[in-house]
Protein backbone atom coordinates (compact mmCIF):
# COMPACT_ATOMS: atom_id res chain seq x y z
CA UNK A 1 -66.16 26.69 65.67
CA UNK A 2 -69.47 26.23 63.83
CA UNK A 3 -71.61 23.14 64.55
CA UNK A 4 -72.75 21.62 61.24
CA UNK A 5 -75.36 18.86 61.55
CA UNK A 6 -74.34 15.41 60.42
CA UNK A 7 -77.37 15.19 58.13
CA UNK A 8 -76.32 18.41 56.24
CA UNK A 9 -72.72 17.11 55.82
CA UNK A 10 -74.07 13.88 54.33
CA UNK A 11 -76.20 15.73 51.86
CA UNK A 12 -73.43 18.11 50.87
CA UNK A 13 -70.76 15.43 50.31
CA UNK A 14 -73.29 13.50 48.25
CA UNK A 15 -73.68 16.61 46.03
CA UNK A 16 -77.34 17.03 47.05
CA UNK A 17 -77.30 20.53 48.55
CA UNK A 18 -78.14 23.72 46.76
CA UNK A 19 -76.58 26.97 48.00
CA UNK A 20 -78.36 30.38 47.94
CA UNK A 21 -75.70 33.06 48.42
CA UNK A 22 -76.32 36.68 49.52
CA UNK A 23 -74.30 39.79 50.01
CA UNK A 24 -73.59 39.18 53.73
CA UNK A 25 -71.32 36.36 52.73
CA UNK A 26 -68.93 38.74 51.06
CA UNK A 27 -68.44 41.37 53.66
CA UNK A 28 -65.04 40.12 54.78
CA UNK A 29 -63.90 40.08 51.20
CA UNK A 30 -64.83 43.74 50.71
CA UNK A 31 -68.41 43.31 49.62
CA UNK A 32 -71.22 45.76 50.52
CA UNK A 33 -74.68 45.38 51.97
CA UNK A 34 -77.52 47.29 50.35
CA UNK A 35 -77.45 50.41 52.54
CA UNK A 36 -73.65 50.73 52.17
CA UNK A 37 -73.86 50.29 48.41
CA UNK A 38 -76.54 53.03 48.37
CA UNK A 39 -74.21 55.39 50.28
CA UNK A 40 -71.43 54.60 47.91
CA UNK A 41 -73.53 55.46 44.87
CA UNK A 42 -74.57 58.70 46.51
CA UNK A 43 -71.01 59.69 47.00
CA UNK A 44 -69.89 58.59 43.51
CA UNK A 45 -72.58 60.25 41.47
CA UNK A 46 -72.47 63.66 43.12
CA UNK A 47 -75.33 66.08 42.81
CA UNK A 48 -78.07 64.13 41.00
CA UNK A 49 -81.06 65.99 42.49
CA UNK A 50 -82.20 62.79 44.10
CA UNK A 51 -82.47 62.72 47.86
CA UNK A 52 -80.35 60.00 49.55
CA UNK A 53 -82.25 56.86 50.80
CA UNK A 54 -80.46 53.95 52.44
CA UNK A 55 -83.06 51.69 50.88
CA UNK A 56 -81.05 50.73 47.81
CA UNK A 57 -83.82 49.63 45.47
CA UNK A 58 -85.87 52.75 46.11
CA UNK A 59 -82.81 55.09 45.85
CA UNK A 60 -81.77 53.56 42.58
CA UNK A 61 -85.30 53.55 41.23
CA UNK A 62 -85.47 57.37 41.64
CA UNK A 63 -81.94 57.73 40.18
CA UNK A 64 -82.97 55.79 37.08
CA UNK A 65 -86.05 57.89 36.61
CA UNK A 66 -83.61 60.85 36.41
CA UNK A 67 -81.61 59.10 33.71
CA UNK A 68 -78.64 57.71 35.70
CA UNK A 69 -78.98 54.00 34.92
CA UNK A 70 -75.64 53.60 33.07
CA UNK A 71 -73.80 55.67 35.72
CA UNK A 72 -75.21 53.47 38.47
CA UNK A 73 -74.07 50.26 36.75
CA UNK A 74 -70.58 51.69 35.97
CA UNK A 75 -70.08 52.80 39.55
CA UNK A 76 -71.13 49.33 40.80
CA UNK A 77 -68.86 47.57 38.35
CA UNK A 78 -65.94 49.80 39.35
CA UNK A 79 -66.53 49.16 43.05
CA UNK A 80 -66.74 45.34 42.71
CA UNK A 81 -64.44 44.39 39.90
CA UNK A 82 -61.25 44.32 41.93
CA UNK A 83 -62.59 42.38 44.99
CA UNK A 84 -60.54 39.33 45.99
CA UNK A 85 -62.01 36.50 47.96
CA UNK A 86 -60.41 36.03 51.39
CA UNK A 87 -58.95 32.72 52.30
CA UNK A 88 -62.06 31.55 54.16
CA UNK A 89 -64.53 32.56 51.46
CA UNK A 90 -62.34 30.97 48.92
CA UNK A 91 -63.09 27.63 50.40
CA UNK A 92 -66.63 27.80 48.96
CA UNK A 93 -65.17 26.32 45.77
CA UNK A 94 -63.95 23.17 47.58
CA UNK A 95 -67.44 22.10 48.56
CA UNK A 96 -69.46 19.84 46.20
CA UNK A 97 -72.59 21.99 45.78
CA UNK A 98 -75.33 20.66 43.53
CA UNK A 99 -75.68 24.28 42.35
CA UNK A 100 -75.05 27.84 43.52
CA UNK A 101 -77.71 30.53 43.10
CA UNK A 102 -76.55 34.03 44.05
CA UNK A 103 -78.18 37.50 44.19
CA UNK A 104 -74.76 39.11 44.24
CA UNK A 105 -73.33 41.03 41.23
CA UNK A 106 -69.63 40.46 42.05
CA UNK A 107 -67.49 37.61 40.76
CA UNK A 108 -65.95 36.45 44.05
CA UNK A 109 -67.44 32.92 43.56
CA UNK A 110 -65.84 32.66 40.07
CA UNK A 111 -62.43 33.95 41.36
CA UNK A 112 -62.53 31.33 44.13
CA UNK A 113 -62.95 28.51 41.59
CA UNK A 114 -59.96 29.72 39.66
CA UNK A 115 -57.62 29.22 42.60
CA UNK A 116 -58.32 25.48 43.17
CA UNK A 117 -58.27 22.16 41.34
CA UNK A 118 -61.29 20.26 42.65
CA UNK A 119 -64.36 21.62 40.86
CA UNK A 120 -65.25 23.91 37.96
CA UNK A 121 -68.21 26.26 37.83
CA UNK A 122 -70.39 26.69 34.76
CA UNK A 123 -72.30 29.96 34.44
CA UNK A 124 -75.89 29.17 33.63
CA UNK A 125 -78.92 31.13 32.52
CA UNK A 126 -81.30 31.54 35.49
CA UNK A 127 -84.34 31.48 33.39
CA UNK A 128 -83.37 28.23 31.59
CA UNK A 129 -81.76 25.93 34.27
CA UNK A 130 -80.34 22.79 33.01
CA UNK A 131 -80.50 19.33 34.57
CA UNK A 132 -77.70 18.87 37.22
CA UNK A 133 -75.23 16.08 36.64
CA UNK A 134 -73.11 14.31 39.16
CA UNK A 135 -69.65 15.45 37.90
CA UNK A 136 -67.11 18.04 38.56
CA UNK A 137 -69.13 20.98 37.24
CA UNK A 138 -71.03 23.25 39.63
CA UNK A 139 -73.83 25.23 37.96
CA UNK A 140 -73.70 28.94 38.91
CA UNK A 141 -76.87 31.08 38.56
CA UNK A 142 -76.51 34.84 38.96
CA UNK A 143 -80.06 35.94 39.58
CA UNK A 144 -79.60 39.77 39.67
CA UNK A 145 -76.95 40.01 36.93
CA UNK A 146 -73.17 39.92 36.58
CA UNK A 147 -70.62 42.76 36.52
CA UNK A 148 -68.64 40.92 33.88
CA UNK A 149 -71.37 41.01 31.20
CA UNK A 150 -71.41 44.17 29.00
CA UNK A 151 -73.82 46.94 29.99
CA UNK A 152 -77.17 46.63 28.24
CA UNK A 153 -80.29 48.79 28.70
CA UNK A 154 -82.37 45.81 27.75
CA UNK A 155 -80.77 43.54 30.39
CA UNK A 156 -79.34 45.65 33.24
CA UNK A 157 -78.28 44.68 36.66
CA UNK A 158 -81.30 44.03 38.77
CA UNK A 159 -80.99 46.86 41.33
CA UNK A 160 -84.05 49.15 41.42
CA UNK A 161 -87.36 48.40 42.95
CA UNK A 162 -88.92 47.88 39.49
CA UNK A 163 -86.03 45.62 38.49
CA UNK A 164 -86.53 43.45 41.55
CA UNK A 165 -90.25 43.16 41.00
CA UNK A 166 -89.54 41.84 37.52
CA UNK A 167 -86.79 39.61 38.97
CA UNK A 168 -89.36 38.28 41.51
CA UNK A 169 -91.56 37.13 38.62
CA UNK A 170 -88.59 35.54 36.86
CA UNK A 171 -87.50 33.94 40.08
CA UNK A 172 -90.88 32.25 40.38
CA UNK A 173 -90.44 30.65 36.93
CA UNK A 174 -87.12 29.08 37.60
CA UNK A 175 -87.81 28.23 41.22
CA UNK A 176 -90.92 26.43 40.09
CA UNK A 177 -88.93 24.68 37.44
CA UNK A 178 -86.30 23.75 40.12
CA UNK A 179 -88.96 22.40 42.44
CA UNK A 180 -90.52 20.32 39.69
CA UNK A 181 -87.25 18.45 38.98
CA UNK A 182 -85.57 18.24 42.41
CA UNK A 183 -86.31 17.35 46.00
CA UNK A 184 -83.07 18.32 47.70
CA UNK A 185 -81.53 20.29 50.49
CA UNK A 186 -81.25 24.09 50.45
CA UNK A 187 -78.93 26.29 52.52
CA UNK A 188 -79.20 30.09 52.71
CA UNK A 189 -75.93 31.99 53.48
CA UNK A 190 -75.36 35.75 53.57
CA UNK A 191 -79.04 36.81 53.85
CA UNK A 192 -80.73 38.82 56.57
CA UNK A 193 -84.52 38.43 57.12
CA UNK A 194 -84.73 42.26 57.00
CA UNK A 195 -83.61 41.90 53.36
CA UNK A 196 -86.60 41.67 51.04
CA UNK A 197 -84.68 39.49 48.61
CA UNK A 198 -84.70 36.51 50.89
CA UNK A 199 -88.24 36.89 52.00
CA UNK A 200 -89.25 37.12 48.31
CA UNK A 201 -87.31 33.91 47.59
CA UNK A 202 -88.81 32.07 50.50
CA UNK A 203 -92.35 33.19 49.69
CA UNK A 204 -91.86 31.90 46.14
CA UNK A 205 -90.55 28.59 47.48
CA UNK A 206 -93.28 28.19 50.09
CA UNK A 207 -95.99 28.88 47.55
CA UNK A 208 -94.90 25.77 45.65
CA UNK A 209 -96.64 22.51 46.64
CA UNK A 210 -93.33 20.66 46.88
CA UNK A 211 -91.78 22.99 49.45
CA UNK A 212 -92.99 20.73 52.32
CA UNK A 213 -91.36 17.69 50.83
CA UNK A 214 -87.78 19.16 50.57
CA UNK A 215 -85.58 17.03 52.83
CA UNK A 216 -83.72 19.81 54.68
CA UNK A 217 -83.64 23.58 54.75
CA UNK A 218 -81.00 25.52 56.56
CA UNK A 219 -79.89 29.15 57.09
CA UNK A 220 -76.66 30.42 58.58
CA UNK A 221 -76.75 33.59 60.65
CA UNK A 222 -74.43 35.01 63.49
CA UNK A 223 -77.51 35.76 65.70
CA UNK A 224 -81.27 35.60 65.58
CA UNK A 225 -84.03 37.14 67.57
CA UNK A 226 -87.07 35.35 69.02
CA UNK A 227 -89.22 36.78 66.28
CA UNK A 228 -86.90 35.39 63.63
CA UNK A 229 -86.99 32.02 65.34
CA UNK A 230 -90.75 32.06 64.85
CA UNK A 231 -90.38 33.04 61.20
CA UNK A 232 -87.87 30.18 60.62
CA UNK A 233 -90.26 27.72 62.23
CA UNK A 234 -93.02 28.84 59.82
CA UNK A 235 -90.72 28.18 56.84
CA UNK A 236 -89.49 25.02 58.53
CA UNK A 237 -85.87 26.17 58.13
CA UNK A 238 -83.20 25.00 60.54
CA UNK A 239 -80.86 27.67 62.03
CA UNK A 240 -77.10 27.21 62.19
CA UNK A 241 -75.23 29.82 64.24
CA UNK A 242 -72.21 31.22 62.55
CA UNK A 243 -70.80 33.38 59.70
CA UNK A 244 -70.40 32.45 56.08
CA UNK A 245 -66.59 32.43 56.37
CA UNK A 246 -66.76 30.23 59.53
CA UNK A 247 -69.01 27.71 57.65
CA UNK A 248 -66.77 27.53 54.57
CA UNK A 249 -63.65 27.12 56.70
CA UNK A 250 -65.21 24.38 58.78
CA UNK A 251 -66.53 22.58 55.62
CA UNK A 252 -63.04 22.61 54.18
CA UNK A 253 -61.47 21.23 57.32
CA UNK A 254 -64.07 18.31 57.30
CA UNK A 255 -63.68 17.89 53.57
CA UNK A 256 -59.91 17.32 53.71
CA UNK A 257 -60.57 13.80 55.08
CA UNK A 258 -63.63 12.99 53.00
CA UNK A 259 -62.99 10.33 50.43
CA UNK A 260 -65.36 11.90 47.84
CA UNK A 261 -63.37 15.09 47.82
CA UNK A 262 -60.11 13.19 47.54
CA UNK A 263 -61.44 11.18 44.54
CA UNK A 264 -62.58 14.43 42.95
CA UNK A 265 -59.06 15.91 43.45
CA UNK A 266 -57.59 12.85 41.72
CA UNK A 267 -59.96 13.18 38.83
CA UNK A 268 -58.90 16.80 38.32
CA UNK A 269 -55.21 16.12 38.74
CA UNK A 270 -54.98 13.52 35.94
CA UNK A 271 -55.57 15.01 32.43
CA UNK A 272 -56.99 12.76 29.66
CA UNK A 273 -53.51 12.68 28.13
CA UNK A 274 -52.01 11.18 31.34
CA UNK A 275 -51.28 7.40 31.41
CA UNK A 276 -52.80 7.40 34.88
CA UNK A 277 -56.13 8.89 33.86
CA UNK A 278 -58.78 6.26 34.57
CA UNK A 279 -61.59 8.32 36.14
CA UNK A 280 -64.08 8.60 33.25
CA UNK A 281 -67.64 9.64 34.50
CA UNK A 282 -69.04 6.16 34.58
CA UNK A 283 -66.09 4.85 36.58
CA UNK A 284 -66.30 7.81 38.95
CA UNK A 285 -69.98 7.00 39.57
CA UNK A 286 -69.18 3.33 40.27
CA UNK A 287 -66.50 4.43 42.76
CA UNK A 288 -68.68 6.90 44.60
CA UNK A 289 -71.57 4.34 44.69
CA UNK A 290 -69.47 1.53 46.11
CA UNK A 291 -68.01 3.64 48.96
CA UNK A 292 -70.05 4.24 52.02
CA UNK A 293 -70.30 7.66 53.70
CA UNK A 294 -67.26 7.56 56.02
CA UNK A 295 -67.92 8.64 59.65
CA UNK A 296 -64.88 7.43 61.74
CA UNK A 297 -66.57 8.31 65.08
CA UNK A 298 -69.87 6.66 64.40
CA UNK A 299 -69.80 3.95 61.70
CA UNK A 300 -66.37 2.48 61.50
CA UNK A 301 -63.40 1.79 63.81
CA UNK A 302 -60.46 4.18 63.52
CA UNK A 303 -58.50 2.02 61.10
CA UNK A 304 -56.88 2.98 57.74
CA UNK A 305 -58.64 0.07 56.10
CA UNK A 306 -61.99 1.66 56.67
CA UNK A 307 -61.11 4.22 54.12
CA UNK A 308 -61.34 1.51 51.45
CA UNK A 309 -64.54 -0.08 52.75
CA UNK A 310 -66.35 -1.27 49.65
CA UNK A 311 -63.47 -0.55 47.24
CA UNK A 312 -59.83 -1.14 46.49
CA UNK A 313 -56.82 1.21 46.37
CA UNK A 314 -55.83 2.36 42.86
CA UNK A 315 -52.60 3.97 41.53
CA UNK A 316 -53.95 7.48 41.79
CA UNK A 317 -54.80 7.04 45.44
CA UNK A 318 -51.39 5.52 46.07
CA UNK A 319 -49.49 8.19 44.23
CA UNK A 320 -51.17 11.00 46.30
CA UNK A 321 -50.49 9.27 49.59
CA UNK A 322 -54.13 8.61 50.36
CA UNK A 323 -53.17 5.01 51.04
CA UNK A 324 -51.19 3.74 54.03
CA UNK A 325 -47.52 3.54 52.95
CA UNK A 326 -46.29 -0.07 52.47
CA UNK A 327 -42.86 -1.53 51.89
CA UNK A 328 -42.66 -3.56 48.54
CA UNK A 329 -40.28 -6.15 47.04
CA UNK A 330 -40.21 -5.77 43.17
CA UNK A 331 -38.73 -8.60 41.01
CA UNK A 332 -38.60 -9.10 37.25
CA UNK A 333 -40.74 -12.05 36.28
CA UNK A 334 -38.48 -15.21 36.41
CA UNK A 335 -35.65 -13.23 37.89
CA UNK A 336 -34.03 -13.26 41.36
CA UNK A 337 -32.98 -9.63 41.81
CA UNK A 338 -35.15 -7.85 44.40
CA UNK A 339 -35.66 -4.06 44.27
CA UNK A 340 -36.83 -2.39 47.53
CA UNK A 341 -39.53 0.13 47.05
CA UNK A 342 -42.51 1.58 48.88
CA UNK A 343 -45.99 2.67 47.60
CA UNK A 344 -44.87 6.31 47.47
CA UNK A 345 -42.29 5.64 44.74
CA UNK A 346 -44.01 2.78 42.95
CA UNK A 347 -45.87 4.74 40.27
CA UNK A 348 -42.80 6.70 39.28
CA UNK A 349 -40.90 3.39 38.98
CA UNK A 350 -43.60 1.88 36.79
CA UNK A 351 -43.63 4.88 34.47
CA UNK A 352 -39.83 4.80 34.23
CA UNK A 353 -39.92 1.10 33.35
CA UNK A 354 -42.65 1.62 30.82
CA UNK A 355 -40.76 4.43 29.09
CA UNK A 356 -37.53 2.48 29.05
CA UNK A 357 -38.85 -0.84 27.76
CA UNK A 358 -42.11 0.20 26.14
CA UNK A 359 -44.07 -2.38 28.10
CA UNK A 360 -47.68 -2.71 27.27
CA UNK A 361 -48.73 -4.97 30.18
CA UNK A 362 -47.79 -5.08 33.84
CA UNK A 363 -48.66 -7.64 36.50
């Protein structure tokens, strides 16, 4: 079990946490670290005349000089295109991120979102980030390229030493833009401090005057050395012990009882054509603002009514059994016949009545 600080949970569930995702998070889903990808390319490309180097950016830089850019990209695309997110990684899509930035080429994040009905991702241009909104869309920024975009000599996957130097300059532009607009919580998952990508990102962040004012900064790693503890202290990053899959799984377990996630599920479940659809963006904002952050062990007594603190049940909540089940006596206005129902069957009964009698108003 991974110990997630209460402060981080609060920021995540209020959609105020930005995720930076690295290759280490995809290992259990078949992904590769840099050295393994270099070895794979060496085996795939055969005799290129380039000596093998486990340092991927340097190895690919020398391959590109020999004219193997297109072959490198094709091999990477072939290796990553059929990856499937494992059940734990898939839970990344059930977490209300403010945005996801990834240095990975694969589409495991996108595939994860296709298998759930809570949030939707929107693929954004890293160099032209848009303002984040408090709705069901999660902006996804693929910093080093995407295997699903067509091959282009003018815009290749960022994989060689030269590419990454250019990418670092680009990163500085959008990170500075990000820092100008937002003062939020960041969490880094799937990175090793021996990986130059993360140190470049952190150097770019720390060079910005607003870095010190960011509320919280976290990194998740299975183990850290004493030297790494010192590095984290310098960057003022808090360490959480665990793996990416452990984190996503634990977050999902906690999210199952979180009212914001349940409301989001309801919003996705009811299409605009549904007679039960009432969650327009403004209403959703009102609902999320009037509810308090629910912590049953600290703030409130363990009582079902605490779930509705600051708000009232609605038909969507009742239909999905998020309300306590209650017995009901239903009578026609002015009549004497009593129909015995409960809250689980009430919505279906109302829809049936409405269809049969074409009622326009219900008390």
